[in-house]
């Protein structure tokens, strides 16, 4: 089972969702309070099973929020962002060389996030 790790960084508080093997599979924005960070975690848990909108193929099959958006960055790497019902980005993934790896990251969130424990770690 995965876990959400809350940690303090220079500019505030953020979380990482880690898979069972300890790999970070998604990260949050930086929040100003721990309460806001925990609210973000709950949003990820609640929206983890959302549809995927692949923006790397034409035509794009637009999905309603909440959703994962798969896209290519300026370096040509595949990335995803999880957006809540209101369209706000609530979690992002790292860059992947292959789209299949990016999609595996999303699958890992779907498996790990809903029941993941929340732990606070030292930044």
PDB file of N, CA and C in Angstrom:
ATOM      1  N   UNK A   1       0.833  -1.185   0.000  1.00  0.00           N
ATOM      2  CA  UNK A   1       0.000   0.000   0.000  1.00  0.00           C
ATOM      3  C   UNK A   1       0.881   1.252   0.000  1.00  0.00           C
ATOM      4  N   UNK A   2       0.484   2.233  -0.759  1.00  0.00           N
ATOM      5  CA  UNK A   2       1.244   3.468  -0.830  1.00  0.00           C
ATOM      6  C   UNK A   2       1.007   4.348   0.383  1.00  0.00           C
ATOM      7  N   UNK A   3       1.702   5.496   0.382  1.00  0.00           N
ATOM      8  CA  UNK A   3       1.502   6.439   1.475  1.00  0.00           C
ATOM      9  C   UNK A   3       1.736   7.863   0.981  1.00  0.00           C
ATOM     10  N   UNK A   4       1.023   8.780   1.602  1.00  0.00           N
ATOM     11  CA  UNK A   4       1.231  10.201   1.370  1.00  0.00           C
ATOM     12  C   UNK A   4       2.191  10.689   2.443  1.00  0.00           C
ATOM     13  N   UNK A   5       3.268  11.344   2.021  1.00  0.00           N
ATOM     14  CA  UNK A   5       4.211  11.924   2.970  1.00  0.00           C
ATOM     15  C   UNK A   5       4.079  13.438   2.927  1.00  0.00           C
ATOM     16  N   UNK A   6       3.749  14.013   4.068  1.00  0.00           N
ATOM     17  CA  UNK A   6       3.660  15.468   4.204  1.00  0.00           C
ATOM     18  C   UNK A   6       4.999  15.957   4.715  1.00  0.00           C
ATOM     19  N   UNK A   7       5.554  16.978   4.070  1.00  0.00           N
ATOM     20  CA  UNK A   7       6.822  17.517   4.548  1.00  0.00           C
ATOM     21  C   UNK A   7       6.878  19.028   4.359  1.00  0.00           C
ATOM     22  N   UNK A   8       7.641  19.658   5.228  1.00  0.00           N
ATOM     23  CA  UNK A   8       7.834  21.096   5.160  1.00  0.00           C
ATOM     24  C   UNK A   8       9.005  21.386   4.222  1.00  0.00           C
ATOM     25  N   UNK A   9       8.794  22.335   3.313  1.00  0.00           N
ATOM     26  CA  UNK A   9       9.855  22.801   2.414  1.00  0.00           C
ATOM     27  C   UNK A   9      10.038  24.291   2.662  1.00  0.00           C
ATOM     28  N   UNK A  10      11.032  24.899   2.023  1.00  0.00           N
ATOM     29  CA  UNK A  10      11.342  26.307   2.284  1.00  0.00           C
ATOM     30  C   UNK A  10      10.130  27.229   2.153  1.00  0.00           C
ATOM     31  N   UNK A  11       9.301  26.965   1.141  1.00  0.00           N
ATOM     32  CA  UNK A  11       8.194  27.885   0.866  1.00  0.00           C
ATOM     33  C   UNK A  11       6.846  27.452   1.436  1.00  0.00           C
ATOM     34  N   UNK A  12       6.802  26.334   2.190  1.00  0.00           N
ATOM     35  CA  UNK A  12       5.536  25.901   2.762  1.00  0.00           C
ATOM     36  C   UNK A  12       5.502  24.415   3.058  1.00  0.00           C
ATOM     37  N   UNK A  13       4.365  23.789   2.746  1.00  0.00           N
ATOM     38  CA  UNK A  13       4.157  22.370   3.038  1.00  0.00           C
ATOM     39  C   UNK A  13       3.642  21.684   1.779  1.00  0.00           C
ATOM     40  N   UNK A  14       4.154  20.488   1.488  1.00  0.00           N
ATOM     41  CA  UNK A  14       3.723  19.743   0.295  1.00  0.00           C
ATOM     42  C   UNK A  14       3.615  18.262   0.627  1.00  0.00           C
ATOM     43  N   UNK A  15       3.048  17.509  -0.305  1.00  0.00           N
ATOM     44  CA  UNK A  15       3.011  16.063  -0.120  1.00  0.00           C
ATOM     45  C   UNK A  15       3.542  15.362  -1.356  1.00  0.00           C
ATOM     46  N   UNK A  16       4.053  14.161  -1.119  1.00  0.00           N
ATOM     47  CA  UNK A  16       4.421  13.221  -2.180  1.00  0.00           C
ATOM     48  C   UNK A  16       3.623  11.953  -1.930  1.00  0.00           C
ATOM     49  N   UNK A  17       3.084  11.383  -3.000  1.00  0.00           N
ATOM     50  CA  UNK A  17       2.465  10.063  -2.910  1.00  0.00           C
ATOM     51  C   UNK A  17       3.525   9.064  -3.329  1.00  0.00           C
ATOM     52  N   UNK A  18       3.818   8.130  -2.434  1.00  0.00           N
ATOM     53  CA  UNK A  18       4.833   7.118  -2.716  1.00  0.00           C
ATOM     54  C   UNK A  18       4.190   5.752  -2.870  1.00  0.00           C
ATOM     55  N   UNK A  19       4.687   4.994  -3.842  1.00  0.00           N
ATOM     56  CA  UNK A  19       4.230   3.625  -4.050  1.00  0.00           C
ATOM     57  C   UNK A  19       4.820   2.733  -2.962  1.00  0.00           C
ATOM     58  N   UNK A  20       4.386   1.500  -2.934  1.00  0.00           N
ATOM     59  CA  UNK A  20       4.866   0.542  -1.937  1.00  0.00           C
ATOM     60  C   UNK A  20       6.387   0.416  -1.955  1.00  0.00           C
ATOM     61  N   UNK A  21       6.991   0.551  -3.158  1.00  0.00           N
ATOM     62  CA  UNK A  21       8.446   0.419  -3.281  1.00  0.00           C
ATOM     63  C   UNK A  21       9.203   1.687  -2.894  1.00  0.00           C
ATOM     64  N   UNK A  22       8.485   2.737  -2.459  1.00  0.00           N
ATOM     65  CA  UNK A  22       9.140   3.966  -2.011  1.00  0.00           C
ATOM     66  C   UNK A  22       9.323   5.015  -3.098  1.00  0.00           C
ATOM     67  N   UNK A  23       8.994   4.665  -4.346  1.00  0.00           N
ATOM     68  CA  UNK A  23       9.126   5.618  -5.453  1.00  0.00           C
ATOM     69  C   UNK A  23       8.029   6.675  -5.380  1.00  0.00           C
ATOM     70  N   UNK A  24       8.407   7.935  -5.633  1.00  0.00           N
ATOM     71  CA  UNK A  24       7.416   9.008  -5.691  1.00  0.00           C
ATOM     72  C   UNK A  24       6.649   8.879  -6.998  1.00  0.00           C
ATOM     73  N   UNK A  25       5.309   8.808  -6.911  1.00  0.00           N
ATOM     74  CA  UNK A  25       4.502   8.684  -8.124  1.00  0.00           C
ATOM     75  C   UNK A  25       3.697   9.948  -8.404  1.00  0.00           C
ATOM     76  N   UNK A  26       3.571  10.828  -7.418  1.00  0.00           N
ATOM     77  CA  UNK A  26       2.898  12.106  -7.635  1.00  0.00           C
ATOM     78  C   UNK A  26       3.303  13.071  -6.536  1.00  0.00           C
ATOM     79  N   UNK A  27       3.285  14.355  -6.881  1.00  0.00           N
ATOM     80  CA  UNK A  27       3.631  15.406  -5.923  1.00  0.00           C
ATOM     81  C   UNK A  27       2.581  16.503  -5.987  1.00  0.00           C
ATOM     82  N   UNK A  28       2.523  17.269  -4.913  1.00  0.00           N
ATOM     83  CA  UNK A  28       1.562  18.359  -4.847  1.00  0.00           C
ATOM     84  C   UNK A  28       2.249  19.697  -5.080  1.00  0.00           C
ATOM     85  N   UNK A  29       1.414  20.725  -5.165  1.00  0.00           N
ATOM     86  CA  UNK A  29       1.910  22.087  -5.121  1.00  0.00           C
ATOM     87  C   UNK A  29       2.370  22.343  -3.693  1.00  0.00           C
ATOM     88  N   UNK A  30       2.924  23.517  -3.442  1.00  0.00           N
ATOM     89  CA  UNK A  30       3.299  23.888  -2.082  1.00  0.00           C
ATOM     90  C   UNK A  30       2.127  24.648  -1.464  1.00  0.00           C
ATOM     91  N   UNK A  31       1.698  24.189  -0.297  1.00  0.00           N
ATOM     92  CA  UNK A  31       0.591  24.808   0.435  1.00  0.00           C
ATOM     93  C   UNK A  31       1.135  25.688   1.550  1.00  0.00           C
ATOM     94  N   UNK A  32       0.301  26.606   2.014  1.00  0.00           N
ATOM     95  CA  UNK A  32       0.739  27.500   3.092  1.00  0.00           C
ATOM     96  C   UNK A  32       0.500  26.895   4.471  1.00  0.00           C
ATOM     97  N   UNK A  33      -0.456  25.952   4.575  1.00  0.00           N
ATOM     98  CA  UNK A  33      -0.740  25.321   5.871  1.00  0.00           C
ATOM     99  C   UNK A  33      -0.828  23.805   5.721  1.00  0.00           C
ATOM    100  N   UNK A  34      -0.618  23.119   6.834  1.00  0.00           N
ATOM    101  CA  UNK A  34      -0.755  21.663   6.814  1.00  0.00           C
ATOM    102  C   UNK A  34      -2.206  21.265   6.561  1.00  0.00           C
ATOM    103  N   UNK A  35      -3.142  22.043   7.089  1.00  0.00           N
ATOM    104  CA  UNK A  35      -4.561  21.740   6.876  1.00  0.00           C
ATOM    105  C   UNK A  35      -4.900  21.783   5.387  1.00  0.00           C
ATOM    106  N   UNK A  36      -4.396  22.765   4.674  1.00  0.00           N
ATOM    107  CA  UNK A  36      -4.640  22.867   3.225  1.00  0.00           C
ATOM    108  C   UNK A  36      -3.994  21.694   2.499  1.00  0.00           C
ATOM    109  N   UNK A  37      -2.812  21.289   2.932  1.00  0.00           N
ATOM    110  CA  UNK A  37      -2.109  20.148   2.342  1.00  0.00           C
ATOM    111  C   UNK A  37      -2.933  18.871   2.540  1.00  0.00           C
ATOM    112  N   UNK A  38      -3.454  18.673   3.738  1.00  0.00           N
ATOM    113  CA  UNK A  38      -4.277  17.488   4.017  1.00  0.00           C
ATOM    114  C   UNK A  38      -5.561  17.501   3.187  1.00  0.00           C
ATOM    115  N   UNK A  39      -6.101  18.683   2.947  1.00  0.00           N
ATOM    116  CA  UNK A  39      -7.287  18.804   2.102  1.00  0.00           C
ATOM    117  C   UNK A  39      -6.934  18.391   0.663  1.00  0.00           C
ATOM    118  N   UNK A  40      -5.733  18.762   0.221  1.00  0.00           N
ATOM    119  CA  UNK A  40      -5.251  18.353  -1.101  1.00  0.00           C
ATOM    120  C   UNK A  40      -5.116  16.844  -1.205  1.00  0.00           C
ATOM    121  N   UNK A  41      -4.616  16.213  -0.151  1.00  0.00           N
ATOM    122  CA  UNK A  41      -4.492  14.751  -0.126  1.00  0.00           C
ATOM    123  C   UNK A  41      -5.871  14.108  -0.253  1.00  0.00           C
ATOM    124  N   UNK A  42      -6.835  14.617   0.488  1.00  0.00           N
ATOM    125  CA  UNK A  42      -8.191  14.068   0.416  1.00  0.00           C
ATOM    126  C   UNK A  42      -8.750  14.213  -0.998  1.00  0.00           C
ATOM    127  N   UNK A  43      -8.441  15.325  -1.643  1.00  0.00           N
ATOM    128  CA  UNK A  43      -8.908  15.539  -3.014  1.00  0.00           C
ATOM    129  C   UNK A  43      -8.287  14.512  -3.957  1.00  0.00           C
ATOM    130  N   UNK A  44      -6.992  14.223  -3.788  1.00  0.00           N
ATOM    131  CA  UNK A  44      -6.336  13.206  -4.613  1.00  0.00           C
ATOM    132  C   UNK A  44      -6.985  11.842  -4.357  1.00  0.00           C
ATOM    133  N   UNK A  45      -7.205  11.507  -3.085  1.00  0.00           N
ATOM    134  CA  UNK A  45      -7.844  10.224  -2.768  1.00  0.00           C
ATOM    135  C   UNK A  45      -9.213  10.121  -3.441  1.00  0.00           C
ATOM    136  N   UNK A  46      -9.988  11.193  -3.357  1.00  0.00           N
ATOM    137  CA  UNK A  46     -11.348  11.190  -3.903  1.00  0.00           C
ATOM    138  C   UNK A  46     -11.386  11.183  -5.428  1.00  0.00           C
ATOM    139  N   UNK A  47     -10.343  11.701  -6.075  1.00  0.00           N
ATOM    140  CA  UNK A  47     -10.326  11.822  -7.530  1.00  0.00           C
ATOM    141  C   UNK A  47      -9.366  10.850  -8.211  1.00  0.00           C
ATOM    142  N   UNK A  48      -8.770   9.949  -7.452  1.00  0.00           N
ATOM    143  CA  UNK A  48      -7.737   9.053  -7.980  1.00  0.00           C
ATOM    144  C   UNK A  48      -8.228   8.152  -9.108  1.00  0.00           C
ATOM    145  N   UNK A  49      -9.494   7.809  -9.111  1.00  0.00           N
ATOM    146  CA  UNK A  49     -10.001   6.864 -10.108  1.00  0.00           C
ATOM    147  C   UNK A  49     -10.582   7.555 -11.338  1.00  0.00           C
ATOM    148  N   UNK A  50     -10.192   8.782 -11.573  1.00  0.00           N
ATOM    149  CA  UNK A  50     -10.710   9.575 -12.693  1.00  0.00           C
ATOM    150  C   UNK A  50     -10.233   9.063 -14.048  1.00  0.00           C
ATOM    151  N   UNK A  51     -10.918   9.526 -15.100  1.00  0.00           N
ATOM    152  CA  UNK A  51     -10.573   9.165 -16.475  1.00  0.00           C
ATOM    153  C   UNK A  51      -9.271   9.848 -16.899  1.00  0.00           C
ATOM    154  N   UNK A  52      -8.686   9.330 -17.974  1.00  0.00           N
ATOM    155  CA  UNK A  52      -7.443   9.881 -18.523  1.00  0.00           C
ATOM    156  C   UNK A  52      -7.753  10.582 -19.845  1.00  0.00           C
ATOM    157  N   UNK A  53      -7.280  11.817 -19.963  1.00  0.00           N
ATOM    158  CA  UNK A  53      -7.389  12.576 -21.209  1.00  0.00           C
ATOM    159  C   UNK A  53      -5.998  12.622 -21.832  1.00  0.00           C
ATOM    160  N   UNK A  54      -5.808  11.932 -22.941  1.00  0.00           N
ATOM    161  CA  UNK A  54      -4.506  11.867 -23.607  1.00  0.00           C
ATOM    162  C   UNK A  54      -4.395  13.037 -24.590  1.00  0.00           C
ATOM    163  N   UNK A  55      -3.589  14.024 -24.220  1.00  0.00           N
ATOM    164  CA  UNK A  55      -3.419  15.214 -25.045  1.00  0.00           C
ATOM    165  C   UNK A  55      -2.276  15.073 -26.038  1.00  0.00           C
ATOM    166  N   UNK A  56      -1.756  13.845 -26.168  1.00  0.00           N
ATOM    167  CA  UNK A  56      -0.635  13.620 -27.102  1.00  0.00           C
ATOM    168  C   UNK A  56      -1.113  13.037 -28.424  1.00  0.00           C
ATOM    169  N   UNK A  57      -2.407  12.805 -28.566  1.00  0.00           N
ATOM    170  CA  UNK A  57      -2.954  12.248 -29.805  1.00  0.00           C
ATOM    171  C   UNK A  57      -4.083  13.144 -30.311  1.00  0.00           C
ATOM    172  N   UNK A  58      -4.219  13.202 -31.618  1.00  0.00           N
ATOM    173  CA  UNK A  58      -5.309  13.957 -32.237  1.00  0.00           C
ATOM    174  C   UNK A  58      -6.329  12.979 -32.794  1.00  0.00           C
ATOM    175  N   UNK A  59      -7.605  13.208 -32.712  1.00  0.00           N
ATOM    176  CA  UNK A  59      -8.184  14.297 -31.916  1.00  0.00           C
ATOM    177  C   UNK A  59      -8.178  13.944 -30.432  1.00  0.00           C
ATOM    178  N   UNK A  60      -8.094  14.972 -29.604  1.00  0.00           N
ATOM    179  CA  UNK A  60      -8.114  14.761 -28.154  1.00  0.00           C
ATOM    180  C   UNK A  60      -9.536  14.446 -27.731  1.00  0.00           C
ATOM    181  N   UNK A  61      -9.699  13.329 -27.028  1.00  0.00           N
ATOM    182  CA  UNK A  61     -11.004  12.992 -26.465  1.00  0.00           C
ATOM    183  C   UNK A  61     -11.119  13.687 -25.114  1.00  0.00           C
ATOM    184  N   UNK A  62     -11.770  14.845 -25.125  1.00  0.00           N
ATOM    185  CA  UNK A  62     -11.863  15.668 -23.923  1.00  0.00           C
ATOM    186  C   UNK A  62     -12.710  14.963 -22.865  1.00  0.00           C
ATOM    187  N   UNK A  63     -12.169  14.918 -21.647  1.00  0.00           N
ATOM    188  CA  UNK A  63     -12.853  14.316 -20.503  1.00  0.00           C
ATOM    189  C   UNK A  63     -13.311  15.426 -19.560  1.00  0.00           C
ATOM    190  N   UNK A  64     -14.363  15.158 -18.801  1.00  0.00           N
ATOM    191  CA  UNK A  64     -14.826  16.112 -17.797  1.00  0.00           C
ATOM    192  C   UNK A  64     -13.899  16.053 -16.591  1.00  0.00           C
ATOM    193  N   UNK A  65     -13.826  17.150 -15.836  1.00  0.00           N
ATOM    194  CA  UNK A  65     -13.111  17.149 -14.560  1.00  0.00           C
ATOM    195  C   UNK A  65     -13.925  16.344 -13.556  1.00  0.00           C
ATOM    196  N   UNK A  66     -13.334  15.615 -12.657  1.00  0.00           N
ATOM    197  CA  UNK A  66     -11.894  15.429 -12.475  1.00  0.00           C
ATOM    198  C   UNK A  66     -11.315  14.508 -13.542  1.00  0.00           C
ATOM    199  N   UNK A  67     -10.012  14.686 -13.813  1.00  0.00           N
ATOM    200  CA  UNK A  67      -9.361  13.875 -14.836  1.00  0.00           C
ATOM    201  C   UNK A  67      -7.846  13.970 -14.711  1.00  0.00           C
ATOM    202  N   UNK A  68      -7.196  12.990 -15.324  1.00  0.00           N
ATOM    203  CA  UNK A  68      -5.749  13.045 -15.524  1.00  0.00           C
ATOM    204  C   UNK A  68      -5.524  13.603 -16.926  1.00  0.00           C
ATOM    205  N   UNK A  69      -4.582  14.509 -17.074  1.00  0.00           N
ATOM    206  CA  UNK A  69      -4.181  14.988 -18.387  1.00  0.00           C
ATOM    207  C   UNK A  69      -2.782  14.480 -18.666  1.00  0.00           C
ATOM    208  N   UNK A  70      -2.633  13.745 -19.763  1.00  0.00           N
ATOM    209  CA  UNK A  70      -1.320  13.259 -20.198  1.00  0.00           C
ATOM    210  C   UNK A  70      -0.864  14.184 -21.322  1.00  0.00           C
ATOM    211  N   UNK A  71       0.362  14.693 -21.216  1.00  0.00           N
ATOM    212  CA  UNK A  71       0.876  15.630 -22.209  1.00  0.00           C
ATOM    213  C   UNK A  71       2.381  15.478 -22.341  1.00  0.00           C
ATOM    214  N   UNK A  72       2.947  16.104 -23.375  1.00  0.00           N
ATOM    215  CA  UNK A  72       4.400  16.129 -23.538  1.00  0.00           C
ATOM    216  C   UNK A  72       4.907  17.513 -23.183  1.00  0.00           C
ATOM    217  N   UNK A  73       6.009  17.553 -22.422  1.00  0.00           N
ATOM    218  CA  UNK A  73       6.596  18.834 -22.054  1.00  0.00           C
ATOM    219  C   UNK A  73       7.566  19.307 -23.142  1.00  0.00           C
ATOM    220  N   UNK A  74       8.184  20.445 -22.905  1.00  0.00           N
ATOM    221  CA  UNK A  74       9.085  21.030 -23.914  1.00  0.00           C
ATOM    222  C   UNK A  74      10.277  20.138 -24.221  1.00  0.00           C
ATOM    223  N   UNK A  75      10.653  19.294 -23.268  1.00  0.00           N
ATOM    224  CA  UNK A  75      11.785  18.378 -23.470  1.00  0.00           C
ATOM    225  C   UNK A  75      11.356  17.093 -24.176  1.00  0.00           C
ATOM    226  N   UNK A  76      10.050  16.972 -24.481  1.00  0.00           N
ATOM    227  CA  UNK A  76       9.554  15.777 -25.158  1.00  0.00           C
ATOM    228  C   UNK A  76       9.215  14.638 -24.218  1.00  0.00           C
ATOM    229  N   UNK A  77       9.263  14.886 -22.902  1.00  0.00           N
ATOM    230  CA  UNK A  77       8.917  13.836 -21.944  1.00  0.00           C
ATOM    231  C   UNK A  77       7.409  13.829 -21.699  1.00  0.00           C
ATOM    232  N   UNK A  78       6.904  12.657 -21.352  1.00  0.00           N
ATOM    233  CA  UNK A  78       5.480  12.505 -21.060  1.00  0.00           C
ATOM    234  C   UNK A  78       5.253  12.790 -19.580  1.00  0.00           C
ATOM    235  N   UNK A  79       4.216  13.565 -19.309  1.00  0.00           N
ATOM    236  CA  UNK A  79       3.872  13.935 -17.935  1.00  0.00           C
ATOM    237  C   UNK A  79       2.371  13.833 -17.748  1.00  0.00           C
ATOM    238  N   UNK A  80       1.952  13.813 -16.487  1.00  0.00           N
ATOM    239  CA  UNK A  80       0.521  13.870 -16.196  1.00  0.00           C
ATOM    240  C   UNK A  80       0.274  14.858 -15.073  1.00  0.00           C
ATOM    241  N   UNK A  81      -0.943  15.345 -15.066  1.00  0.00           N
ATOM    242  CA  UNK A  81      -1.418  16.164 -13.953  1.00  0.00           C
ATOM    243  C   UNK A  81      -2.837  15.691 -13.647  1.00  0.00           C
ATOM    244  N   UNK A  82      -3.142  15.612 -12.364  1.00  0.00           N
ATOM    245  CA  UNK A  82      -4.481  15.235 -11.919  1.00  0.00           C
ATOM    246  C   UNK A  82      -5.207  16.516 -11.559  1.00  0.00           C
ATOM    247  N   UNK A  83      -6.355  16.716 -12.198  1.00  0.00           N
ATOM    248  CA  UNK A  83      -7.143  17.918 -11.940  1.00  0.00           C
ATOM    249  C   UNK A  83      -8.423  17.541 -11.193  1.00  0.00           C
ATOM    250  N   UNK A  84      -8.786  18.372 -10.230  1.00  0.00           N
ATOM    251  CA  UNK A  84      -9.992  18.156  -9.438  1.00  0.00           C
ATOM    252  C   UNK A  84     -11.226  18.566 -10.232  1.00  0.00           C
ATOM    253  N   UNK A  85     -12.368  18.378  -9.624  1.00  0.00           N
ATOM    254  CA  UNK A  85     -13.651  18.713 -10.254  1.00  0.00           C
ATOM    255  C   UNK A  85     -13.714  20.178 -10.690  1.00  0.00           C
ATOM    256  N   UNK A  86     -13.026  21.058  -9.930  1.00  0.00           N
ATOM    257  CA  UNK A  86     -13.042  22.484 -10.253  1.00  0.00           C
ATOM    258  C   UNK A  86     -11.957  22.885 -11.258  1.00  0.00           C
ATOM    259  N   UNK A  87     -11.199  21.910 -11.761  1.00  0.00           N
ATOM    260  CA  UNK A  87     -10.163  22.189 -12.745  1.00  0.00           C
ATOM    261  C   UNK A  87      -8.799  22.523 -12.166  1.00  0.00           C
ATOM    262  N   UNK A  88      -8.692  22.606 -10.848  1.00  0.00           N
ATOM    263  CA  UNK A  88      -7.414  22.888 -10.198  1.00  0.00           C
ATOM    264  C   UNK A  88      -6.505  21.663 -10.259  1.00  0.00           C
ATOM    265  N   UNK A  89      -5.216  21.885 -10.485  1.00  0.00           N
ATOM    266  CA  UNK A  89      -4.239  20.793 -10.469  1.00  0.00           C
ATOM    267  C   UNK A  89      -3.986  20.401  -9.018  1.00  0.00           C
ATOM    268  N   UNK A  90      -4.189  19.116  -8.705  1.00  0.00           N
ATOM    269  CA  UNK A  90      -4.000  18.652  -7.328  1.00  0.00           C
ATOM    270  C   UNK A  90      -2.804  17.723  -7.167  1.00  0.00           C
ATOM    271  N   UNK A  91      -2.257  17.221  -8.279  1.00  0.00           N
ATOM    272  CA  UNK A  91      -1.051  16.383  -8.211  1.00  0.00           C
ATOM    273  C   UNK A  91      -0.433  16.318  -9.604  1.00  0.00           C
ATOM    274  N   UNK A  92       0.889  16.194  -9.629  1.00  0.00           N
ATOM    275  CA  UNK A  92       1.605  16.084 -10.895  1.00  0.00           C
ATOM    276  C   UNK A  92       2.601  14.932 -10.817  1.00  0.00           C
ATOM    277  N   UNK A  93       2.965  14.427 -11.990  1.00  0.00           N
ATOM    278  CA  UNK A  93       3.940  13.346 -12.056  1.00  0.00           C
ATOM    279  C   UNK A  93       5.260  13.841 -12.614  1.00  0.00           C
ATOM    280  N   UNK A  94       6.263  13.003 -12.518  1.00  0.00           N
ATOM    281  CA  UNK A  94       7.577  13.306 -13.080  1.00  0.00           C
ATOM    282  C   UNK A  94       7.541  13.160 -14.595  1.00  0.00           C
ATOM    283  N   UNK A  95       8.625  13.503 -15.259  1.00  0.00           N
ATOM    284  CA  UNK A  95       8.724  13.303 -16.700  1.00  0.00           C
ATOM    285  C   UNK A  95       9.136  11.871 -17.009  1.00  0.00           C
ATOM    286  N   UNK A  96       8.502  11.284 -18.030  1.00  0.00           N
ATOM    287  CA  UNK A  96       8.801   9.916 -18.459  1.00  0.00           C
ATOM    288  C   UNK A  96       9.229   9.934 -19.913  1.00  0.00           C
ATOM    289  N   UNK A  97      10.189   9.087 -20.263  1.00  0.00           N
ATOM    290  CA  UNK A  97      10.639   8.975 -21.655  1.00  0.00           C
ATOM    291  C   UNK A  97       9.583   8.327 -22.539  1.00  0.00           C
ATOM    292  N   UNK A  98       8.820   7.381 -21.966  1.00  0.00           N
ATOM    293  CA  UNK A  98       7.814   6.641 -22.732  1.00  0.00           C
ATOM    294  C   UNK A  98       6.424   6.909 -22.173  1.00  0.00           C
ATOM    295  N   UNK A  99       5.449   7.026 -23.084  1.00  0.00           N
ATOM    296  CA  UNK A  99       4.072   7.266 -22.649  1.00  0.00           C
ATOM    297  C   UNK A  99       3.562   6.104 -21.802  1.00  0.00           C
ATOM    298  N   UNK A 100       3.940   4.888 -22.131  1.00  0.00           N
ATOM    299  CA  UNK A 100       3.495   3.724 -21.355  1.00  0.00           C
ATOM    300  C   UNK A 100       3.918   3.857 -19.892  1.00  0.00           C
ATOM    301  N   UNK A 101       5.106   4.371 -19.645  1.00  0.00           N
ATOM    302  CA  UNK A 101       5.586   4.555 -18.271  1.00  0.00           C
ATOM    303  C   UNK A 101       4.751   5.611 -17.550  1.00  0.00           C
ATOM    304  N   UNK A 102       4.392   6.666 -18.254  1.00  0.00           N
ATOM    305  CA  UNK A 102       3.544   7.715 -17.700  1.00  0.00           C
ATOM    306  C   UNK A 102       2.179   7.130 -17.320  1.00  0.00           C
ATOM    307  N   UNK A 103       1.609   6.335 -18.205  1.00  0.00           N
ATOM    308  CA  UNK A 103       0.311   5.709 -17.932  1.00  0.00           C
ATOM    309  C   UNK A 103       0.410   4.723 -16.768  1.00  0.00           C
ATOM    310  N   UNK A 104       1.566   4.053 -16.633  1.00  0.00           N
ATOM    311  CA  UNK A 104       1.785   3.166 -15.483  1.00  0.00           C
ATOM    312  C   UNK A 104       1.789   3.968 -14.184  1.00  0.00           C
ATOM    313  N   UNK A 105       2.336   5.188 -14.239  1.00  0.00           N
ATOM    314  CA  UNK A 105       2.329   6.062 -13.061  1.00  0.00           C
ATOM    315  C   UNK A 105       0.908   6.394 -12.634  1.00  0.00           C
ATOM    316  N   UNK A 106       0.048   6.688 -13.605  1.00  0.00           N
ATOM    317  CA  UNK A 106      -1.359   6.969 -13.309  1.00  0.00           C
ATOM    318  C   UNK A 106      -2.025   5.736 -12.708  1.00  0.00           C
ATOM    319  N   UNK A 107      -1.768   4.569 -13.292  1.00  0.00           N
ATOM    320  CA  UNK A 107      -2.334   3.324 -12.751  1.00  0.00           C
ATOM    321  C   UNK A 107      -1.884   3.097 -11.309  1.00  0.00           C
ATOM    322  N   UNK A 108      -0.641   3.448 -11.025  1.00  0.00           N
ATOM    323  CA  UNK A 108      -0.112   3.286  -9.676  1.00  0.00           C
ATOM    324  C   UNK A 108      -0.851   4.204  -8.699  1.00  0.00           C
ATOM    325  N   UNK A 109      -1.173   5.417  -9.126  1.00  0.00           N
ATOM    326  CA  UNK A 109      -1.948   6.323  -8.268  1.00  0.00           C
ATOM    327  C   UNK A 109      -3.324   5.717  -8.007  1.00  0.00           C
ATOM    328  N   UNK A 110      -3.944   5.205  -9.063  1.00  0.00           N
ATOM    329  CA  UNK A 110      -5.280   4.618  -8.913  1.00  0.00           C
ATOM    330  C   UNK A 110      -5.266   3.455  -7.921  1.00  0.00           C
ATOM    331  N   UNK A 111      -4.178   2.691  -7.907  1.00  0.00           N
ATOM    332  CA  UNK A 111      -4.062   1.550  -6.985  1.00  0.00           C
ATOM    333  C   UNK A 111      -3.694   1.988  -5.571  1.00  0.00           C
ATOM    334  N   UNK A 112      -2.821   2.977  -5.460  1.00  0.00           N
ATOM    335  CA  UNK A 112      -2.245   3.333  -4.159  1.00  0.00           C
ATOM    336  C   UNK A 112      -2.961   4.446  -3.398  1.00  0.00           C
ATOM    337  N   UNK A 113      -3.453   5.459  -4.080  1.00  0.00           N
ATOM    338  CA  UNK A 113      -3.962   6.652  -3.393  1.00  0.00           C
ATOM    339  C   UNK A 113      -5.202   6.431  -2.534  1.00  0.00           C
ATOM    340  N   UNK A 114      -6.228   5.719  -3.021  1.00  0.00           N
ATOM    341  CA  UNK A 114      -7.467   5.676  -2.242  1.00  0.00           C
ATOM    342  C   UNK A 114      -7.311   5.218  -0.792  1.00  0.00           C
ATOM    343  N   UNK A 115      -6.452   4.248  -0.534  1.00  0.00           N
ATOM    344  CA  UNK A 115      -6.293   3.702   0.824  1.00  0.00           C
ATOM    345  C   UNK A 115      -4.951   4.045   1.458  1.00  0.00           C
ATOM    346  N   UNK A 116      -4.215   4.962   0.849  1.00  0.00           N
ATOM    347  CA  UNK A 116      -2.870   5.277   1.351  1.00  0.00           C
ATOM    348  C   UNK A 116      -2.935   5.964   2.720  1.00  0.00           C
ATOM    349  N   UNK A 117      -1.998   5.584   3.584  1.00  0.00           N
ATOM    350  CA  UNK A 117      -1.910   6.258   4.870  1.00  0.00           C
ATOM    351  C   UNK A 117      -1.244   7.607   4.667  1.00  0.00           C
ATOM    352  N   UNK A 118      -1.416   8.481   5.653  1.00  0.00           N
ATOM    353  CA  UNK A 118      -0.820   9.815   5.617  1.00  0.00           C
ATOM    354  C   UNK A 118       0.173   9.907   6.748  1.00  0.00           C
ATOM    355  N   UNK A 119       1.424  10.228   6.414  1.00  0.00           N
ATOM    356  CA  UNK A 119       2.457  10.360   7.433  1.00  0.00           C
ATOM    357  C   UNK A 119       3.165  11.710   7.257  1.00  0.00           C
ATOM    358  N   UNK A 120       3.598  12.241   8.370  1.00  0.00           N
ATOM    359  CA  UNK A 120       4.350  13.493   8.346  1.00  0.00           C
ATOM    360  C   UNK A 120       5.825  13.142   8.522  1.00  0.00           C
ATOM    361  N   UNK A 121       6.658  13.666   7.636  1.00  0.00           N
ATOM    362  CA  UNK A 121       8.096  13.386   7.710  1.00  0.00           C
ATOM    363  C   UNK A 121       8.855  14.692   7.863  1.00  0.00           C
ATOM    364  N   UNK A 122      10.076  14.577   8.316  1.00  0.00           N
ATOM    365  CA  UNK A 122      10.926  15.763   8.437  1.00  0.00           C
ATOM    366  C   UNK A 122      11.406  16.171   7.052  1.00  0.00           C
ATOM    367  N   UNK A 123      11.293  17.447   6.747  1.00  0.00           N
ATOM    368  CA  UNK A 123      11.710  17.966   5.441  1.00  0.00           C
ATOM    369  C   UNK A 123      13.176  17.942   5.306  1.00  0.00           C
TER     370      UNK A 123
END
